[in-house]
C-alpha atoms as a PDB file:
ATOM      1  CA  UNK A   1     -37.975  51.537 -67.096  1.00  0.00           C
ATOM      2  CA  UNK A   2     -34.764  49.580 -67.312  1.00  0.00           C
ATOM      3  CA  UNK A   3     -35.131  45.924 -68.122  1.00  0.00           C
ATOM      4  CA  UNK A   4     -32.575  43.160 -67.820  1.00  0.00           C
ATOM      5  CA  UNK A   5     -33.297  39.845 -69.505  1.00  0.00           C
ATOM      6  CA  UNK A   6     -31.230  36.773 -68.695  1.00  0.00           C
ATOM      7  CA  UNK A   7     -30.908  33.665 -70.809  1.00  0.00           C
ATOM      8  CA  UNK A   8     -28.646  30.686 -71.223  1.00  0.00           C
ATOM      9  CA  UNK A   9     -29.569  28.580 -68.229  1.00  0.00           C
ATOM     10  CA  UNK A  10     -30.304  24.890 -68.414  1.00  0.00           C
ATOM     11  CA  UNK A  11     -29.347  21.423 -67.298  1.00  0.00           C
ATOM     12  CA  UNK A  12     -25.717  20.456 -67.766  1.00  0.00           C
ATOM     13  CA  UNK A  13     -23.427  17.719 -66.546  1.00  0.00           C
ATOM     14  CA  UNK A  14     -20.673  18.271 -64.002  1.00  0.00           C
ATOM     15  CA  UNK A  15     -17.556  19.607 -65.629  1.00  0.00           C
ATOM     16  CA  UNK A  16     -19.438  21.228 -68.477  1.00  0.00           C
ATOM     17  CA  UNK A  17     -19.510  24.884 -69.419  1.00  0.00           C
ATOM     18  CA  UNK A  18     -22.380  27.281 -69.773  1.00  0.00           C
ATOM     19  CA  UNK A  19     -22.619  30.918 -70.750  1.00  0.00           C
ATOM     20  CA  UNK A  20     -25.315  33.132 -69.343  1.00  0.00           C
ATOM     21  CA  UNK A  21     -26.349  36.338 -71.069  1.00  0.00           C
ATOM     22  CA  UNK A  22     -28.066  39.431 -69.736  1.00  0.00           C
ATOM     23  CA  UNK A  23     -29.437  41.865 -72.275  1.00  0.00           C
ATOM     24  CA  UNK A  24     -29.962  45.466 -71.164  1.00  0.00           C
ATOM     25  CA  UNK A  25     -32.854  47.544 -72.492  1.00  0.00           C
ATOM     26  CA  UNK A  26     -30.600  50.583 -72.789  1.00  0.00           C
ATOM     27  CA  UNK A  27     -26.940  51.229 -73.313  1.00  0.00           C
ATOM     28  CA  UNK A  28     -24.815  49.181 -70.971  1.00  0.00           C
ATOM     29  CA  UNK A  29     -22.507  52.176 -70.778  1.00  0.00           C
ATOM     30  CA  UNK A  30     -25.131  53.880 -68.605  1.00  0.00           C
ATOM     31  CA  UNK A  31     -24.363  51.487 -65.765  1.00  0.00           C
ATOM     32  CA  UNK A  32     -21.332  51.700 -63.530  1.00  0.00           C
ATOM     33  CA  UNK A  33     -21.618  48.355 -61.768  1.00  0.00           C
ATOM     34  CA  UNK A  34     -23.022  45.124 -63.127  1.00  0.00           C
ATOM     35  CA  UNK A  35     -22.972  41.637 -61.813  1.00  0.00           C
ATOM     36  CA  UNK A  36     -24.365  38.177 -61.438  1.00  0.00           C
ATOM     37  CA  UNK A  37     -25.952  36.733 -58.324  1.00  0.00           C
ATOM     38  CA  UNK A  38     -27.401  33.319 -57.625  1.00  0.00           C
ATOM     39  CA  UNK A  39     -29.986  31.997 -55.274  1.00  0.00           C
ATOM     40  CA  UNK A  40     -30.763  28.446 -54.257  1.00  0.00           C
ATOM     41  CA  UNK A  41     -34.187  27.549 -52.853  1.00  0.00           C
ATOM     42  CA  UNK A  42     -34.439  28.599 -49.233  1.00  0.00           C
ATOM     43  CA  UNK A  43     -31.144  30.476 -49.282  1.00  0.00           C
ATOM     44  CA  UNK A  44     -30.125  34.089 -49.587  1.00  0.00           C
ATOM     45  CA  UNK A  45     -29.102  35.553 -52.881  1.00  0.00           C
ATOM     46  CA  UNK A  46     -25.325  35.730 -53.116  1.00  0.00           C
ATOM     47  CA  UNK A  47     -22.853  37.502 -55.323  1.00  0.00           C
ATOM     48  CA  UNK A  48     -21.174  35.428 -58.012  1.00  0.00           C
ATOM     49  CA  UNK A  49     -19.228  38.123 -59.822  1.00  0.00           C
ATOM     50  CA  UNK A  50     -19.427  41.777 -60.608  1.00  0.00           C
ATOM     51  CA  UNK A  51     -17.737  44.223 -62.893  1.00  0.00           C
ATOM     52  CA  UNK A  52     -17.371  47.959 -62.558  1.00  0.00           C
ATOM     53  CA  UNK A  53     -16.414  50.795 -64.803  1.00  0.00           C
ATOM     54  CA  UNK A  54     -13.399  52.770 -63.848  1.00  0.00           C
ATOM     55  CA  UNK A  55     -10.512  51.426 -61.846  1.00  0.00           C
ATOM     56  CA  UNK A  56     -12.304  48.875 -59.688  1.00  0.00           C
ATOM     57  CA  UNK A  57     -11.331  45.282 -60.326  1.00  0.00           C
ATOM     58  CA  UNK A  58     -13.759  42.548 -61.150  1.00  0.00           C
ATOM     59  CA  UNK A  59     -14.950  40.755 -58.055  1.00  0.00           C
ATOM     60  CA  UNK A  60     -15.628  37.018 -57.801  1.00  0.00           C
ATOM     61  CA  UNK A  61     -16.969  34.740 -55.113  1.00  0.00           C
ATOM     62  CA  UNK A  62     -14.218  32.459 -53.836  1.00  0.00           C
ATOM     63  CA  UNK A  63     -16.158  29.400 -54.979  1.00  0.00           C
ATOM     64  CA  UNK A  64     -15.994  30.453 -58.634  1.00  0.00           C
ATOM     65  CA  UNK A  65     -12.578  32.065 -58.901  1.00  0.00           C
ATOM     66  CA  UNK A  66     -10.611  30.581 -61.753  1.00  0.00           C
ATOM     67  CA  UNK A  67     -13.699  28.951 -63.272  1.00  0.00           C
ATOM     68  CA  UNK A  68     -16.066  31.820 -64.068  1.00  0.00           C
ATOM     69  CA  UNK A  69     -15.458  34.996 -66.032  1.00  0.00           C
ATOM     70  CA  UNK A  70     -17.627  38.054 -66.442  1.00  0.00           C
ATOM     71  CA  UNK A  71     -17.621  40.272 -69.487  1.00  0.00           C
ATOM     72  CA  UNK A  72     -19.656  42.833 -71.366  1.00  0.00           C
ATOM     73  CA  UNK A  73     -20.282  43.658 -74.996  1.00  0.00           C
ATOM     74  CA  UNK A  74     -21.298  47.289 -75.305  1.00  0.00           C
ATOM     75  CA  UNK A  75     -22.249  46.876 -78.964  1.00  0.00           C
ATOM     76  CA  UNK A  76     -24.865  44.308 -77.938  1.00  0.00           C
ATOM     77  CA  UNK A  77     -25.711  45.859 -74.555  1.00  0.00           C
ATOM     78  CA  UNK A  78     -25.103  42.467 -73.066  1.00  0.00           C
ATOM     79  CA  UNK A  79     -23.293  41.103 -70.046  1.00  0.00           C
ATOM     80  CA  UNK A  80     -22.064  37.533 -69.923  1.00  0.00           C
ATOM     81  CA  UNK A  81     -21.127  35.029 -67.306  1.00  0.00           C
ATOM     82  CA  UNK A  82     -18.957  32.248 -68.660  1.00  0.00           C
ATOM     83  CA  UNK A  83     -19.082  29.304 -66.309  1.00  0.00           C
ATOM     84  CA  UNK A  84     -16.534  26.527 -66.750  1.00  0.00           C
ATOM     85  CA  UNK A  85     -15.928  23.329 -64.839  1.00  0.00           C
ATOM     86  CA  UNK A  86     -19.362  23.429 -63.328  1.00  0.00           C
ATOM     87  CA  UNK A  87     -19.836  21.485 -60.140  1.00  0.00           C
ATOM     88  CA  UNK A  88     -22.859  19.404 -59.205  1.00  0.00           C
ATOM     89  CA  UNK A  89     -25.573  21.388 -57.519  1.00  0.00           C
ATOM     90  CA  UNK A  90     -29.314  21.535 -57.221  1.00  0.00           C
ATOM     91  CA  UNK A  91     -31.221  24.035 -59.362  1.00  0.00           C
ATOM     92  CA  UNK A  92     -29.953  27.527 -58.737  1.00  0.00           C
ATOM     93  CA  UNK A  93     -31.355  30.685 -60.242  1.00  0.00           C
ATOM     94  CA  UNK A  94     -28.873  33.194 -61.594  1.00  0.00           C
ATOM     95  CA  UNK A  95     -29.825  36.856 -61.676  1.00  0.00           C
ATOM     96  CA  UNK A  96     -28.143  39.772 -63.324  1.00  0.00           C
ATOM     97  CA  UNK A  97     -28.046  43.087 -61.540  1.00  0.00           C
ATOM     98  CA  UNK A  98     -26.984  46.540 -62.622  1.00  0.00           C
ATOM     99  CA  UNK A  99     -26.625  49.946 -61.016  1.00  0.00           C
ATOM    100  CA  UNK A 100     -27.447  52.874 -63.248  1.00  0.00           C
ATOM    101  CA  UNK A 101     -25.039  55.786 -63.235  1.00  0.00           C
ATOM    102  CA  UNK A 102     -27.888  58.282 -62.872  1.00  0.00           C
ATOM    103  CA  UNK A 103     -30.380  56.425 -60.656  1.00  0.00           C
ATOM    104  CA  UNK A 104     -27.936  54.606 -58.408  1.00  0.00           C
ATOM    105  CA  UNK A 105     -28.812  51.907 -55.893  1.00  0.00           C
ATOM    106  CA  UNK A 106     -30.594  49.626 -55.357  1.00  0.00           C
ATOM    107  CA  UNK A 107     -30.280  49.028 -59.070  1.00  0.00           C
ATOM    108  CA  UNK A 108     -32.175  46.724 -61.362  1.00  0.00           C
ATOM    109  CA  UNK A 109     -32.652  42.951 -61.424  1.00  0.00           C
ATOM    110  CA  UNK A 110     -33.433  40.540 -64.167  1.00  0.00           C
ATOM    111  CA  UNK A 111     -36.034  37.795 -63.813  1.00  0.00           C
ATOM    112  CA  UNK A 112     -33.454  35.042 -63.442  1.00  0.00           C
ATOM    113  CA  UNK A 113     -32.385  31.974 -65.344  1.00  0.00           C
ATOM    114  CA  UNK A 114     -32.115  28.548 -63.765  1.00  0.00           C
ATOM    115  CA  UNK A 115     -29.028  26.382 -63.868  1.00  0.00           C
ATOM    116  CA  UNK A 116     -28.889  22.759 -62.794  1.00  0.00           C
ATOM    117  CA  UNK A 117     -25.649  20.805 -62.758  1.00  0.00           C
ATOM    118  CA  UNK A 118     -26.344  17.123 -62.492  1.00  0.00           C
ATOM    119  CA  UNK A 119     -25.365  13.837 -64.049  1.00  0.00           C
END
């Protein structure tokens, strides 16, 4: 069973940076699409950014373009979300998601890590 484990969330001030990590239980090379989503209480889960193998370009929500970057480290089987210039917001849970090359959709979800941006 594939497991994704997020970490790196916390409470930060507006304008600060934070890096989220998602560790995969098997080789990250076995997945063809990976991404980060976030969900605020009472709202739907929404895409923040995703990355695909092959020729597809990385995809970012308009609200984070220019501030967030997504990357992977295959040696560590880890995906990152670097978040810069964070804006004030209530606690939001960030989830990593990945689609396995063999098993396909709906893919796998991590348990989430909470981020709060507040002064």
